């Protein structure tokens, strides 16, 4: 039996962003989350974001 861990939220975010060809700067502008913060999330250099932040990244603004 193989033990695998789910990918980290940052890895998922990066894979989705790149698969949709969205530059980090565009995602930052559209979500209101700074490029630096998004980069740290993608690279696993920051603690898991609060629920509000992933929601702002995942959902388009109203």
N, C-alpha and C. Protein backbone atom coordinates (compact mmCIF):
# COMPACT_ATOMS: atom_id res chain seq x y z
N UNK A 1 0.85 -1.18 0.00
CA UNK A 1 0.00 0.00 0.00
C UNK A 1 0.89 1.24 0.00
N UNK A 2 0.55 2.18 -0.84
CA UNK A 2 1.34 3.39 -0.95
C UNK A 2 0.70 4.50 -0.13
N UNK A 3 1.52 5.16 0.65
CA UNK A 3 1.05 6.27 1.47
C UNK A 3 1.37 7.56 0.73
N UNK A 4 0.36 8.31 0.34
CA UNK A 4 0.63 9.58 -0.33
C UNK A 4 -0.09 10.69 0.41
N UNK A 5 0.54 11.85 0.41
CA UNK A 5 -0.07 13.00 1.05
C UNK A 5 -0.66 13.89 -0.03
N UNK A 6 -1.75 14.56 0.26
CA UNK A 6 -2.33 15.45 -0.74
C UNK A 6 -1.39 16.63 -0.99
N UNK A 7 -1.44 17.18 -2.19
CA UNK A 7 -0.58 18.33 -2.47
C UNK A 7 -0.98 19.52 -1.60
N UNK A 8 -0.01 20.32 -1.27
CA UNK A 8 -0.25 21.52 -0.47
C UNK A 8 -1.07 22.53 -1.27
N UNK A 9 -1.78 23.38 -0.57
CA UNK A 9 -2.63 24.39 -1.22
C UNK A 9 -1.81 25.25 -2.19
N UNK A 10 -0.58 25.56 -1.83
CA UNK A 10 0.26 26.37 -2.70
C UNK A 10 0.57 25.69 -4.02
N UNK A 11 0.83 24.40 -3.96
CA UNK A 11 1.11 23.62 -5.16
C UNK A 11 -0.13 23.55 -6.05
N UNK A 12 -1.28 23.37 -5.45
CA UNK A 12 -2.53 23.34 -6.20
C UNK A 12 -2.77 24.69 -6.86
N UNK A 13 -2.59 25.77 -6.10
CA UNK A 13 -2.78 27.12 -6.63
C UNK A 13 -1.87 27.37 -7.82
N UNK A 14 -0.59 27.05 -7.67
CA UNK A 14 0.38 27.27 -8.75
C UNK A 14 -0.01 26.45 -9.99
N UNK A 15 -0.35 25.18 -9.80
CA UNK A 15 -0.72 24.33 -10.94
C UNK A 15 -1.93 24.88 -11.67
N UNK A 16 -2.94 25.30 -10.92
CA UNK A 16 -4.14 25.86 -11.55
C UNK A 16 -3.83 27.18 -12.26
N UNK A 17 -3.08 28.04 -11.59
CA UNK A 17 -2.75 29.34 -12.19
C UNK A 17 -1.98 29.14 -13.49
N UNK A 18 -1.00 28.26 -13.47
CA UNK A 18 -0.19 28.03 -14.67
C UNK A 18 -0.98 27.32 -15.76
N UNK A 19 -1.85 26.38 -15.39
CA UNK A 19 -2.63 25.67 -16.41
C UNK A 19 -3.61 26.61 -17.12
N UNK A 20 -4.03 27.67 -16.43
CA UNK A 20 -4.92 28.67 -17.03
C UNK A 20 -4.14 29.87 -17.57
N UNK A 21 -2.81 29.78 -17.50
CA UNK A 21 -1.92 30.82 -18.03
C UNK A 21 -2.22 32.20 -17.45
N UNK A 22 -2.41 32.23 -16.13
CA UNK A 22 -2.68 33.49 -15.43
C UNK A 22 -1.39 33.96 -14.76
N UNK A 23 -0.86 35.09 -15.16
CA UNK A 23 0.33 35.62 -14.50
C UNK A 23 0.05 35.95 -13.03
N UNK A 24 1.06 35.83 -12.22
CA UNK A 24 0.94 36.12 -10.80
C UNK A 24 0.42 37.54 -10.58
N UNK A 25 0.90 38.48 -11.37
CA UNK A 25 0.47 39.88 -11.22
C UNK A 25 -1.03 40.04 -11.48
N UNK A 26 -1.55 39.32 -12.45
CA UNK A 26 -2.98 39.40 -12.77
C UNK A 26 -3.80 38.79 -11.64
N UNK A 27 -3.37 37.63 -11.15
CA UNK A 27 -4.08 37.00 -10.04
C UNK A 27 -4.07 37.91 -8.82
N UNK A 28 -2.94 38.55 -8.56
CA UNK A 28 -2.84 39.46 -7.42
C UNK A 28 -3.82 40.63 -7.58
N UNK A 29 -3.86 41.21 -8.76
CA UNK A 29 -4.76 42.35 -9.00
C UNK A 29 -6.21 41.92 -8.87
N UNK A 30 -6.55 40.78 -9.43
CA UNK A 30 -7.95 40.32 -9.43
C UNK A 30 -8.44 39.88 -8.05
N UNK A 31 -7.53 39.44 -7.20
CA UNK A 31 -7.94 38.92 -5.89
C UNK A 31 -7.71 39.88 -4.74
N UNK A 32 -6.87 40.90 -4.96
CA UNK A 32 -6.53 41.80 -3.87
C UNK A 32 -5.50 41.21 -2.91
N UNK A 33 -4.88 40.11 -3.30
CA UNK A 33 -3.82 39.48 -2.51
C UNK A 33 -2.51 39.83 -3.20
N UNK A 34 -1.54 40.35 -2.45
CA UNK A 34 -0.30 40.82 -3.07
C UNK A 34 0.45 39.69 -3.78
N UNK A 35 1.23 40.09 -4.79
CA UNK A 35 2.07 39.12 -5.50
C UNK A 35 3.00 38.40 -4.53
N UNK A 36 3.56 39.15 -3.59
CA UNK A 36 4.49 38.55 -2.63
C UNK A 36 3.80 37.47 -1.80
N UNK A 37 2.58 37.75 -1.34
CA UNK A 37 1.84 36.78 -0.55
C UNK A 37 1.50 35.56 -1.38
N UNK A 38 1.00 35.78 -2.60
CA UNK A 38 0.69 34.64 -3.48
C UNK A 38 1.93 33.80 -3.75
N UNK A 39 3.05 34.44 -3.99
CA UNK A 39 4.29 33.72 -4.24
C UNK A 39 4.69 32.89 -3.03
N UNK A 40 4.58 33.48 -1.84
CA UNK A 40 4.93 32.74 -0.61
C UNK A 40 3.99 31.54 -0.42
N UNK A 41 2.70 31.72 -0.72
CA UNK A 41 1.75 30.61 -0.61
C UNK A 41 2.14 29.50 -1.59
N UNK A 42 2.39 29.88 -2.84
CA UNK A 42 2.74 28.89 -3.86
C UNK A 42 4.03 28.14 -3.52
N UNK A 43 4.95 28.81 -2.87
CA UNK A 43 6.24 28.19 -2.53
C UNK A 43 6.27 27.55 -1.15
N UNK A 44 5.13 27.55 -0.47
CA UNK A 44 5.07 26.93 0.84
C UNK A 44 5.87 27.67 1.90
N UNK A 45 6.07 28.97 1.71
CA UNK A 45 6.88 29.77 2.63
C UNK A 45 6.05 30.53 3.65
N UNK A 46 4.77 30.27 3.68
CA UNK A 46 3.90 30.93 4.64
C UNK A 46 2.93 29.91 5.20
N UNK A 47 2.42 30.19 6.36
CA UNK A 47 1.46 29.28 6.98
C UNK A 47 0.21 29.21 6.12
N UNK A 48 -0.58 28.20 6.35
CA UNK A 48 -1.83 28.05 5.60
C UNK A 48 -2.64 29.33 5.73
N UNK A 49 -3.15 29.84 4.61
CA UNK A 49 -3.91 31.08 4.67
C UNK A 49 -5.24 30.91 5.38
N UNK A 50 -5.72 32.00 5.93
CA UNK A 50 -7.05 31.99 6.55
C UNK A 50 -8.08 31.72 5.47
N UNK A 51 -9.24 31.22 5.85
CA UNK A 51 -10.26 30.87 4.85
C UNK A 51 -10.65 32.01 3.91
N UNK A 52 -10.61 33.24 4.38
CA UNK A 52 -10.99 34.37 3.54
C UNK A 52 -10.08 34.50 2.33
N UNK A 53 -8.79 34.27 2.52
CA UNK A 53 -7.83 34.45 1.43
C UNK A 53 -8.04 33.43 0.31
N UNK A 54 -8.12 32.12 0.60
CA UNK A 54 -8.38 31.19 -0.52
C UNK A 54 -9.71 31.47 -1.21
N UNK A 55 -10.70 31.92 -0.46
CA UNK A 55 -11.99 32.24 -1.10
C UNK A 55 -11.84 33.41 -2.04
N UNK A 56 -11.05 34.40 -1.68
CA UNK A 56 -10.87 35.57 -2.55
C UNK A 56 -10.10 35.18 -3.81
N UNK A 57 -9.26 34.16 -3.72
CA UNK A 57 -8.52 33.69 -4.88
C UNK A 57 -9.43 32.82 -5.75
N UNK A 58 -10.25 31.98 -5.12
CA UNK A 58 -11.06 31.02 -5.86
C UNK A 58 -12.30 31.63 -6.50
N UNK A 59 -12.89 32.63 -5.88
CA UNK A 59 -14.15 33.17 -6.36
C UNK A 59 -13.95 34.52 -7.01
N UNK A 60 -14.60 34.75 -8.16
CA UNK A 60 -14.48 36.06 -8.79
C UNK A 60 -15.16 37.12 -7.94
N UNK A 61 -14.67 38.35 -8.02
CA UNK A 61 -15.30 39.42 -7.24
C UNK A 61 -16.76 39.62 -7.68
N UNK A 62 -17.57 40.03 -6.75
CA UNK A 62 -19.00 40.28 -7.05
C UNK A 62 -19.18 41.63 -7.69
